[in-house]
Amino acid sequence: MHKLIKLTCVVSVILITGCASSGYLVQYDSTPQSAMVICNGTQKGYTPLDLYYPKTIIDGSGDLYTQACQAVWTSGATENYRQHIDTTSFPNGIKLTLERPNTDGYATDASADYQKKMNDEQIRQQNLQSFNQSMRAMQPKQTYCNQIGTQVFCNTY
């Protein structure tokens, strides 16, 4: 059991560090969060969102020009992320955070963010419960038997 948990942790660390070393990290965020990030017309996910750009597209002076990305909130409010990043100033990646424009619909966007976070937490709890159930199913079972007179009673736990 402990070996399986350790193996899972090691594999997770390898996968996570493998992604980080193969690209330049740009973290897209927004206030409020849960805005859809759309890059070149393609939906990438919701803020906060990590995207990795190939290090090969960083020019000799350390400039990275990302794809055109924007945050789109539930209310329809939009804002564009900057595309030029000086990687010499931010060698380990950068976090770009946009403030929602001061237009109507803020309450709608804040409510959508809250609802998404509640849904994400519910999914996380369900995944954790499923993981725990599968771990219990993999545990070796023990059978205990008792003899009372000529009868033998066994229970497996």
N, C-alpha and C. Protein backbone atom coordinates (compact mmCIF):
# COMPACT_ATOMS: atom_id res chain seq x y z
N MET A 1 0.82 -1.19 0.00
CA MET A 1 0.00 0.00 0.00
C MET A 1 0.87 1.25 0.00
N HIS A 2 1.84 1.32 0.92
CA HIS A 2 2.71 2.49 1.00
C HIS A 2 3.57 2.61 -0.26
N LYS A 3 3.98 1.48 -0.82
CA LYS A 3 4.78 1.51 -2.04
C LYS A 3 3.97 2.08 -3.20
N LEU A 4 2.69 1.74 -3.27
CA LEU A 4 1.83 2.25 -4.34
C LEU A 4 1.67 3.76 -4.22
N ILE A 5 1.49 4.25 -3.01
CA ILE A 5 1.35 5.69 -2.79
C ILE A 5 2.66 6.41 -3.16
N LYS A 6 3.79 5.86 -2.74
CA LYS A 6 5.08 6.47 -3.08
C LYS A 6 5.29 6.48 -4.59
N LEU A 7 4.95 5.37 -5.25
CA LEU A 7 5.11 5.29 -6.70
C LEU A 7 4.23 6.32 -7.40
N THR A 8 3.00 6.48 -6.93
CA THR A 8 2.09 7.49 -7.50
C THR A 8 2.66 8.88 -7.34
N CYS A 9 3.23 9.19 -6.18
CA CYS A 9 3.83 10.50 -5.94
C CYS A 9 5.03 10.74 -6.86
N VAL A 10 5.88 9.75 -7.00
CA VAL A 10 7.06 9.89 -7.84
C VAL A 10 6.67 10.12 -9.30
N VAL A 11 5.72 9.35 -9.80
CA VAL A 11 5.26 9.52 -11.18
C VAL A 11 4.66 10.90 -11.38
N SER A 12 3.87 11.37 -10.41
CA SER A 12 3.26 12.71 -10.50
C SER A 12 4.33 13.78 -10.58
N VAL A 13 5.36 13.68 -9.75
CA VAL A 13 6.43 14.68 -9.75
C VAL A 13 7.17 14.66 -11.08
N ILE A 14 7.43 13.48 -11.62
CA ILE A 14 8.12 13.38 -12.91
C ILE A 14 7.29 14.02 -14.01
N LEU A 15 5.99 13.74 -14.03
CA LEU A 15 5.13 14.33 -15.06
C LEU A 15 5.05 15.84 -14.94
N ILE A 16 4.92 16.34 -13.72
CA ILE A 16 4.81 17.78 -13.51
C ILE A 16 6.11 18.48 -13.89
N THR A 17 7.24 17.98 -13.43
CA THR A 17 8.50 18.63 -13.74
C THR A 17 8.87 18.45 -15.20
N GLY A 18 8.42 17.39 -15.82
CA GLY A 18 8.68 17.19 -17.25
C GLY A 18 8.03 18.28 -18.07
N CYS A 19 6.79 18.66 -17.74
CA CYS A 19 6.10 19.72 -18.47
C CYS A 19 6.79 21.05 -18.24
N ALA A 20 7.18 21.31 -17.01
CA ALA A 20 7.76 22.60 -16.68
C ALA A 20 9.09 22.80 -17.40
N SER A 21 9.88 21.76 -17.57
CA SER A 21 11.18 21.92 -18.17
C SER A 21 11.11 22.01 -19.69
N SER A 22 10.00 21.61 -20.29
CA SER A 22 9.92 21.59 -21.75
C SER A 22 9.30 22.84 -22.33
N GLY A 23 8.84 23.76 -21.50
CA GLY A 23 8.20 24.96 -22.03
C GLY A 23 8.29 26.12 -21.08
N TYR A 24 7.95 27.29 -21.61
CA TYR A 24 7.93 28.51 -20.80
C TYR A 24 6.52 28.68 -20.27
N LEU A 25 6.37 28.80 -18.96
CA LEU A 25 5.07 28.86 -18.31
C LEU A 25 4.49 30.27 -18.35
N VAL A 26 3.27 30.36 -18.88
CA VAL A 26 2.50 31.59 -18.78
C VAL A 26 1.21 31.23 -18.06
N GLN A 27 1.02 31.83 -16.89
CA GLN A 27 -0.18 31.60 -16.10
C GLN A 27 -1.17 32.73 -16.40
N TYR A 28 -2.31 32.35 -16.93
CA TYR A 28 -3.37 33.33 -17.22
C TYR A 28 -4.35 33.34 -16.06
N ASP A 29 -4.61 34.53 -15.52
CA ASP A 29 -5.53 34.66 -14.40
C ASP A 29 -6.42 35.88 -14.63
N SER A 30 -7.43 36.01 -13.81
CA SER A 30 -8.35 37.13 -13.93
C SER A 30 -9.01 37.41 -12.59
N THR A 31 -9.54 38.63 -12.48
CA THR A 31 -10.30 39.01 -11.30
C THR A 31 -11.65 39.53 -11.77
N PRO A 32 -12.77 38.89 -11.42
CA PRO A 32 -12.83 37.59 -10.74
C PRO A 32 -12.34 36.46 -11.64
N GLN A 33 -12.01 35.35 -11.00
CA GLN A 33 -11.53 34.19 -11.75
C GLN A 33 -12.70 33.52 -12.47
N SER A 34 -12.37 32.43 -13.14
CA SER A 34 -13.32 31.60 -13.89
C SER A 34 -13.74 32.23 -15.20
N ALA A 35 -12.96 33.18 -15.69
CA ALA A 35 -13.19 33.71 -17.04
C ALA A 35 -12.65 32.69 -18.03
N MET A 36 -13.30 32.54 -19.17
CA MET A 36 -12.83 31.65 -20.23
C MET A 36 -11.63 32.30 -20.90
N VAL A 37 -10.55 31.53 -21.10
CA VAL A 37 -9.39 32.02 -21.84
C VAL A 37 -9.52 31.51 -23.26
N ILE A 38 -9.53 32.44 -24.20
CA ILE A 38 -9.64 32.11 -25.62
C ILE A 38 -8.39 32.63 -26.31
N CYS A 39 -7.67 31.74 -26.98
CA CYS A 39 -6.44 32.10 -27.68
C CYS A 39 -6.59 31.77 -29.16
N ASN A 40 -6.42 32.79 -29.99
CA ASN A 40 -6.58 32.62 -31.44
C ASN A 40 -7.88 31.91 -31.79
N GLY A 41 -8.95 32.25 -31.08
CA GLY A 41 -10.26 31.69 -31.37
C GLY A 41 -10.53 30.32 -30.77
N THR A 42 -9.57 29.76 -30.03
CA THR A 42 -9.72 28.43 -29.43
C THR A 42 -9.85 28.55 -27.92
N GLN A 43 -10.89 27.92 -27.36
CA GLN A 43 -11.07 27.92 -25.92
C GLN A 43 -10.01 27.05 -25.27
N LYS A 44 -9.27 27.62 -24.32
CA LYS A 44 -8.19 26.90 -23.66
C LYS A 44 -8.56 26.42 -22.26
N GLY A 45 -9.53 27.05 -21.62
CA GLY A 45 -9.92 26.69 -20.27
C GLY A 45 -10.32 27.93 -19.50
N TYR A 46 -10.41 27.77 -18.18
CA TYR A 46 -10.84 28.86 -17.31
C TYR A 46 -9.70 29.32 -16.42
N THR A 47 -9.72 30.61 -16.10
CA THR A 47 -8.69 31.13 -15.20
C THR A 47 -8.93 30.61 -13.79
N PRO A 48 -7.86 30.33 -13.06
CA PRO A 48 -6.46 30.40 -13.46
C PRO A 48 -6.08 29.24 -14.37
N LEU A 49 -5.24 29.52 -15.37
CA LEU A 49 -4.89 28.54 -16.39
C LEU A 49 -3.41 28.64 -16.70
N ASP A 50 -2.73 27.49 -16.74
CA ASP A 50 -1.31 27.44 -17.09
C ASP A 50 -1.17 26.95 -18.52
N LEU A 51 -0.45 27.72 -19.34
CA LEU A 51 -0.11 27.30 -20.70
C LEU A 51 1.41 27.33 -20.83
N TYR A 52 1.95 26.34 -21.53
CA TYR A 52 3.38 26.26 -21.75
C TYR A 52 3.68 26.55 -23.22
N TYR A 53 4.57 27.51 -23.45
CA TYR A 53 5.00 27.85 -24.81
C TYR A 53 6.37 27.23 -25.05
N PRO A 54 6.59 26.68 -26.25
CA PRO A 54 7.89 26.07 -26.52
C PRO A 54 9.02 27.09 -26.34
N LYS A 55 10.07 26.68 -25.66
CA LYS A 55 11.20 27.58 -25.43
C LYS A 55 11.88 27.95 -26.75
N THR A 56 11.66 27.16 -27.77
CA THR A 56 12.28 27.42 -29.07
C THR A 56 11.72 28.67 -29.74
N ILE A 57 10.55 29.18 -29.31
CA ILE A 57 10.00 30.39 -29.93
C ILE A 57 10.46 31.67 -29.23
N ILE A 58 11.28 31.53 -28.19
CA ILE A 58 11.87 32.70 -27.53
C ILE A 58 13.06 33.14 -28.37
N ASP A 59 13.06 34.40 -28.79
CA ASP A 59 14.14 34.86 -29.67
C ASP A 59 15.43 35.08 -28.89
N GLY A 60 16.49 35.42 -29.60
CA GLY A 60 17.81 35.55 -29.00
C GLY A 60 17.91 36.61 -27.92
N SER A 61 17.05 37.61 -27.94
CA SER A 61 17.10 38.65 -26.90
C SER A 61 16.18 38.32 -25.72
N GLY A 62 15.55 37.14 -25.75
CA GLY A 62 14.71 36.72 -24.63
C GLY A 62 13.25 37.13 -24.76
N ASP A 63 12.86 37.60 -25.94
CA ASP A 63 11.48 38.02 -26.15
C ASP A 63 10.61 36.84 -26.59
N LEU A 64 9.46 36.73 -25.95
CA LEU A 64 8.47 35.72 -26.31
C LEU A 64 7.21 36.44 -26.74
N TYR A 65 6.71 36.09 -27.91
CA TYR A 65 5.45 36.63 -28.38
C TYR A 65 4.45 35.48 -28.37
N THR A 66 3.48 35.58 -27.45
CA THR A 66 2.49 34.52 -27.29
C THR A 66 1.38 34.68 -28.31
N GLN A 67 0.53 33.68 -28.38
CA GLN A 67 -0.67 33.80 -29.20
C GLN A 67 -1.59 34.85 -28.59
N ALA A 68 -2.49 35.38 -29.39
CA ALA A 68 -3.44 36.40 -28.91
C ALA A 68 -4.47 35.72 -28.02
N CYS A 69 -4.48 36.08 -26.73
CA CYS A 69 -5.41 35.49 -25.77
C CYS A 69 -6.23 36.57 -25.10
N GLN A 70 -7.45 36.22 -24.76
CA GLN A 70 -8.32 37.14 -24.05
C GLN A 70 -9.11 36.39 -23.00
N ALA A 71 -9.51 37.15 -21.96
CA ALA A 71 -10.40 36.62 -20.93
C ALA A 71 -11.81 37.03 -21.30
N VAL A 72 -12.74 36.08 -21.23
CA VAL A 72 -14.14 36.35 -21.51
C VAL A 72 -14.94 35.88 -20.30
N TRP A 73 -15.57 36.84 -19.63
CA TRP A 73 -16.36 36.52 -18.46
C TRP A 73 -17.78 36.11 -18.87
N THR A 74 -18.50 35.48 -17.98
CA THR A 74 -19.85 35.00 -18.24
C THR A 74 -20.77 36.12 -18.73
N SER A 75 -20.60 37.32 -18.20
CA SER A 75 -21.45 38.45 -18.58
C SER A 75 -21.20 38.93 -20.00
N GLY A 76 -20.10 38.47 -20.60
CA GLY A 76 -19.73 38.93 -21.94
C GLY A 76 -18.62 39.95 -21.92
N ALA A 77 -18.22 40.41 -20.74
CA ALA A 77 -17.10 41.35 -20.64
C ALA A 77 -15.83 40.65 -21.13
N THR A 78 -14.96 41.39 -21.83
CA THR A 78 -13.72 40.81 -22.34
C THR A 78 -12.56 41.76 -22.07
N GLU A 79 -11.38 41.18 -22.03
CA GLU A 79 -10.15 41.95 -21.89
C GLU A 79 -9.03 41.13 -22.52
N ASN A 80 -8.08 41.79 -23.17
CA ASN A 80 -6.98 41.11 -23.86
C ASN A 80 -5.74 41.02 -22.98
N TYR A 81 -5.08 39.86 -23.02
CA TYR A 81 -3.80 39.69 -22.34
C TYR A 81 -2.70 40.26 -23.22
N ARG A 82 -1.62 40.68 -22.59
CA ARG A 82 -0.48 41.14 -23.39
C ARG A 82 0.19 39.94 -24.04
N GLN A 83 0.81 40.17 -25.17
CA GLN A 83 1.43 39.08 -25.93
C GLN A 83 2.95 39.09 -25.84
N HIS A 84 3.56 40.22 -25.53
CA HIS A 84 5.02 40.32 -25.47
C HIS A 84 5.49 40.11 -24.05
N ILE A 85 6.41 39.15 -23.88
CA ILE A 85 6.96 38.85 -22.56
C ILE A 85 8.47 38.86 -22.67
N ASP A 86 9.12 39.59 -21.75
CA ASP A 86 10.58 39.61 -21.67
C ASP A 86 10.99 38.48 -20.72
N THR A 87 11.40 37.36 -21.28
CA THR A 87 11.71 36.20 -20.45
C THR A 87 12.99 36.38 -19.64
N THR A 88 13.82 37.37 -19.99
CA THR A 88 15.02 37.61 -19.17
C THR A 88 14.62 38.20 -17.82
N SER A 89 13.51 38.95 -17.78
CA SER A 89 13.02 39.50 -16.51
C SER A 89 12.25 38.47 -15.71
N PHE A 90 11.67 37.49 -16.41
CA PHE A 90 10.87 36.44 -15.77
C PHE A 90 11.33 35.08 -16.29
N PRO A 91 12.51 34.63 -15.89
CA PRO A 91 13.08 33.40 -16.48
C PRO A 91 12.32 32.12 -16.12
N ASN A 92 11.57 32.12 -15.04
CA ASN A 92 10.86 30.90 -14.61
C ASN A 92 9.39 30.90 -14.97
N GLY A 93 8.96 31.84 -15.80
CA GLY A 93 7.57 31.93 -16.16
C GLY A 93 6.97 33.23 -15.63
N ILE A 94 5.74 33.48 -16.03
CA ILE A 94 5.09 34.73 -15.65
C ILE A 94 3.60 34.49 -15.40
N LYS A 95 3.04 35.29 -14.53
CA LYS A 95 1.60 35.25 -14.27
C LYS A 95 0.99 36.55 -14.78
N LEU A 96 0.04 36.42 -15.71
CA LEU A 96 -0.65 37.57 -16.26
C LEU A 96 -2.06 37.59 -15.69
N THR A 97 -2.40 38.65 -14.96
CA THR A 97 -3.72 38.76 -14.34
C THR A 97 -4.44 39.98 -14.91
N LEU A 98 -5.65 39.75 -15.39
CA LEU A 98 -6.48 40.83 -15.91
C LEU A 98 -7.58 41.18 -14.92
N GLU A 99 -7.82 42.47 -14.75
CA GLU A 99 -8.97 42.94 -13.99
C GLU A 99 -10.15 43.03 -14.95
N ARG A 100 -11.29 42.59 -14.50
CA ARG A 100 -12.51 42.69 -15.31
C ARG A 100 -12.80 44.16 -15.56
N PRO A 101 -13.18 44.51 -16.81
CA PRO A 101 -13.51 45.91 -17.07
C PRO A 101 -14.69 46.37 -16.22
N ASN A 102 -14.74 47.65 -15.92
CA ASN A 102 -15.78 48.20 -15.07
C ASN A 102 -17.04 48.44 -15.90
N THR A 103 -17.74 47.35 -16.20
CA THR A 103 -18.99 47.41 -16.96
C THR A 103 -20.06 46.65 -16.19
N ASP A 104 -21.28 46.72 -16.68
CA ASP A 104 -22.38 45.99 -16.04
C ASP A 104 -22.10 44.49 -16.04
N GLY A 105 -22.65 43.82 -15.06
CA GLY A 105 -22.57 42.36 -15.03
C GLY A 105 -21.56 41.79 -14.06
N TYR A 106 -20.93 42.63 -13.22
CA TYR A 106 -19.94 42.12 -12.28
C TYR A 106 -20.53 41.05 -11.36
N ALA A 107 -21.74 41.29 -10.85
CA ALA A 107 -22.36 40.32 -9.94
C ALA A 107 -22.56 38.97 -10.62
N THR A 108 -22.91 39.00 -11.89
CA THR A 108 -23.06 37.75 -12.67
C THR A 108 -21.75 37.00 -12.73
N ASP A 109 -20.65 37.73 -13.00
CA ASP A 109 -19.33 37.10 -13.12
C ASP A 109 -18.82 36.58 -11.78
N ALA A 110 -19.05 37.33 -10.72
CA ALA A 110 -18.64 36.88 -9.39
C ALA A 110 -19.43 35.64 -8.98
N SER A 111 -20.71 35.62 -9.30
CA SER A 111 -21.55 34.45 -9.00
C SER A 111 -21.10 33.24 -9.80
N ALA A 112 -20.77 33.43 -11.08
CA ALA A 112 -20.30 32.33 -11.93
C ALA A 112 -18.98 31.77 -11.40
N ASP A 113 -18.11 32.65 -10.92
CA ASP A 113 -16.84 32.20 -10.34
C ASP A 113 -17.09 31.36 -9.09
N TYR A 114 -17.97 31.82 -8.23
CA TYR A 114 -18.30 31.08 -7.01
C TYR A 114 -18.88 29.70 -7.36
N GLN A 115 -19.81 29.67 -8.31
CA GLN A 115 -20.45 28.41 -8.70
C GLN A 115 -19.44 27.44 -9.29
N LYS A 116 -18.53 27.94 -10.14
CA LYS A 116 -17.51 27.07 -10.74
C LYS A 116 -16.61 26.49 -9.66
N LYS A 117 -16.23 27.31 -8.70
CA LYS A 117 -15.36 26.81 -7.63
C LYS A 117 -16.08 25.77 -6.77
N MET A 118 -17.37 25.95 -6.53
CA MET A 118 -18.15 24.96 -5.78
C MET A 118 -18.25 23.65 -6.58
N ASN A 119 -18.49 23.76 -7.88
CA ASN A 119 -18.56 22.56 -8.74
C ASN A 119 -17.22 21.85 -8.78
N ASP A 120 -16.13 22.62 -8.92
CA ASP A 120 -14.78 22.03 -8.95
C ASP A 120 -14.48 21.29 -7.64
N GLU A 121 -14.90 21.89 -6.52
CA GLU A 121 -14.67 21.26 -5.22
C GLU A 121 -15.47 19.97 -5.09
N GLN A 122 -16.70 19.98 -5.58
CA GLN A 122 -17.53 18.77 -5.54
C GLN A 122 -16.89 17.66 -6.38
N ILE A 123 -16.39 18.01 -7.55
CA ILE A 123 -15.72 17.02 -8.40
C ILE A 123 -14.46 16.50 -7.72
N ARG A 124 -13.70 17.40 -7.10
CA ARG A 124 -12.49 16.99 -6.38
C ARG A 124 -12.83 16.01 -5.26
N GLN A 125 -13.90 16.30 -4.52
CA GLN A 125 -14.32 15.41 -3.44
C GLN A 125 -14.75 14.05 -3.98
N GLN A 126 -15.48 14.04 -5.11
CA GLN A 126 -15.91 12.78 -5.72
C GLN A 126 -14.70 11.98 -6.19
N ASN A 127 -13.73 12.65 -6.79
CA ASN A 127 -12.52 11.96 -7.24
C ASN A 127 -11.74 11.38 -6.07
N LEU A 128 -11.66 12.15 -4.99
CA LEU A 128 -10.97 11.66 -3.79
C LEU A 128 -11.69 10.45 -3.21
N GLN A 129 -13.01 10.50 -3.18
CA GLN A 129 -13.79 9.38 -2.68
C GLN A 129 -13.59 8.14 -3.56
N SER A 130 -13.59 8.33 -4.87
CA SER A 130 -13.36 7.20 -5.79
C SER A 130 -11.97 6.62 -5.60
N PHE A 131 -10.98 7.50 -5.43
CA PHE A 131 -9.61 7.04 -5.21
C PHE A 131 -9.52 6.23 -3.92
N ASN A 132 -10.13 6.75 -2.85
CA ASN A 132 -10.10 6.03 -1.57
C ASN A 132 -10.79 4.67 -1.68
N GLN A 133 -11.91 4.61 -2.41
CA GLN A 133 -12.60 3.33 -2.60
C GLN A 133 -11.74 2.35 -3.37
N SER A 134 -11.07 2.83 -4.40
CA SER A 134 -10.22 1.92 -5.19
C SER A 134 -9.02 1.46 -4.38
N MET A 135 -8.49 2.33 -3.51
CA MET A 135 -7.37 1.92 -2.66
C MET A 135 -7.83 0.85 -1.65
N ARG A 136 -9.04 1.03 -1.09
CA ARG A 136 -9.56 0.03 -0.16
C ARG A 136 -9.79 -1.31 -0.88
N ALA A 137 -10.25 -1.25 -2.11
CA ALA A 137 -10.51 -2.48 -2.87
C ALA A 137 -9.21 -3.23 -3.16
N MET A 138 -8.10 -2.49 -3.24
CA MET A 138 -6.81 -3.12 -3.55
C MET A 138 -6.14 -3.70 -2.31
N GLN A 139 -6.60 -3.32 -1.13
CA GLN A 139 -5.98 -3.83 0.09
C GLN A 139 -6.23 -5.32 0.22
N PRO A 140 -5.22 -6.05 0.68
CA PRO A 140 -5.43 -7.48 0.89
C PRO A 140 -6.48 -7.71 1.97
N LYS A 141 -7.31 -8.69 1.75
CA LYS A 141 -8.39 -9.01 2.69
C LYS A 141 -7.90 -10.06 3.68
N GLN A 142 -8.41 -9.94 4.89
CA GLN A 142 -8.08 -10.90 5.94
C GLN A 142 -9.34 -11.68 6.29
N THR A 143 -9.20 -12.97 6.44
CA THR A 143 -10.32 -13.80 6.85
C THR A 143 -10.04 -14.35 8.24
N TYR A 144 -11.00 -14.17 9.11
CA TYR A 144 -10.90 -14.65 10.48
C TYR A 144 -11.99 -15.70 10.70
N CYS A 145 -11.60 -16.83 11.27
CA CYS A 145 -12.55 -17.91 11.52
C CYS A 145 -12.56 -18.25 13.01
N ASN A 146 -13.75 -18.57 13.48
CA ASN A 146 -13.94 -19.02 14.86
C ASN A 146 -14.72 -20.32 14.83
N GLN A 147 -14.33 -21.22 15.69
CA GLN A 147 -15.07 -22.48 15.79
C GLN A 147 -15.84 -22.47 17.10
N ILE A 148 -17.16 -22.69 16.96
CA ILE A 148 -18.03 -22.80 18.12
C ILE A 148 -18.64 -24.19 18.03
N GLY A 149 -18.17 -25.04 18.91
CA GLY A 149 -18.62 -26.44 18.84
C GLY A 149 -18.12 -27.04 17.53
N THR A 150 -19.05 -27.57 16.73
CA THR A 150 -18.66 -28.17 15.46
C THR A 150 -18.83 -27.15 14.31
N GLN A 151 -19.35 -25.98 14.60
CA GLN A 151 -19.58 -24.96 13.56
C GLN A 151 -18.37 -24.05 13.43
N VAL A 152 -18.03 -23.69 12.19
CA VAL A 152 -16.94 -22.75 11.94
C VAL A 152 -17.58 -21.52 11.27
N PHE A 153 -17.31 -20.36 11.86
CA PHE A 153 -17.82 -19.08 11.33
C PHE A 153 -16.63 -18.25 10.86
N CYS A 154 -16.70 -17.79 9.61
CA CYS A 154 -15.60 -16.99 9.04
C CYS A 154 -16.13 -15.64 8.57
N ASN A 155 -15.32 -14.63 8.79
CA ASN A 155 -15.61 -13.28 8.32
C ASN A 155 -14.37 -12.74 7.58
N THR A 156 -14.61 -12.10 6.46
CA THR A 156 -13.51 -11.49 5.69
C THR A 156 -13.64 -9.98 5.78
N TYR A 157 -12.51 -9.34 6.12
CA TYR A 157 -12.46 -7.87 6.24
C TYR A 157 -11.39 -7.33 5.32
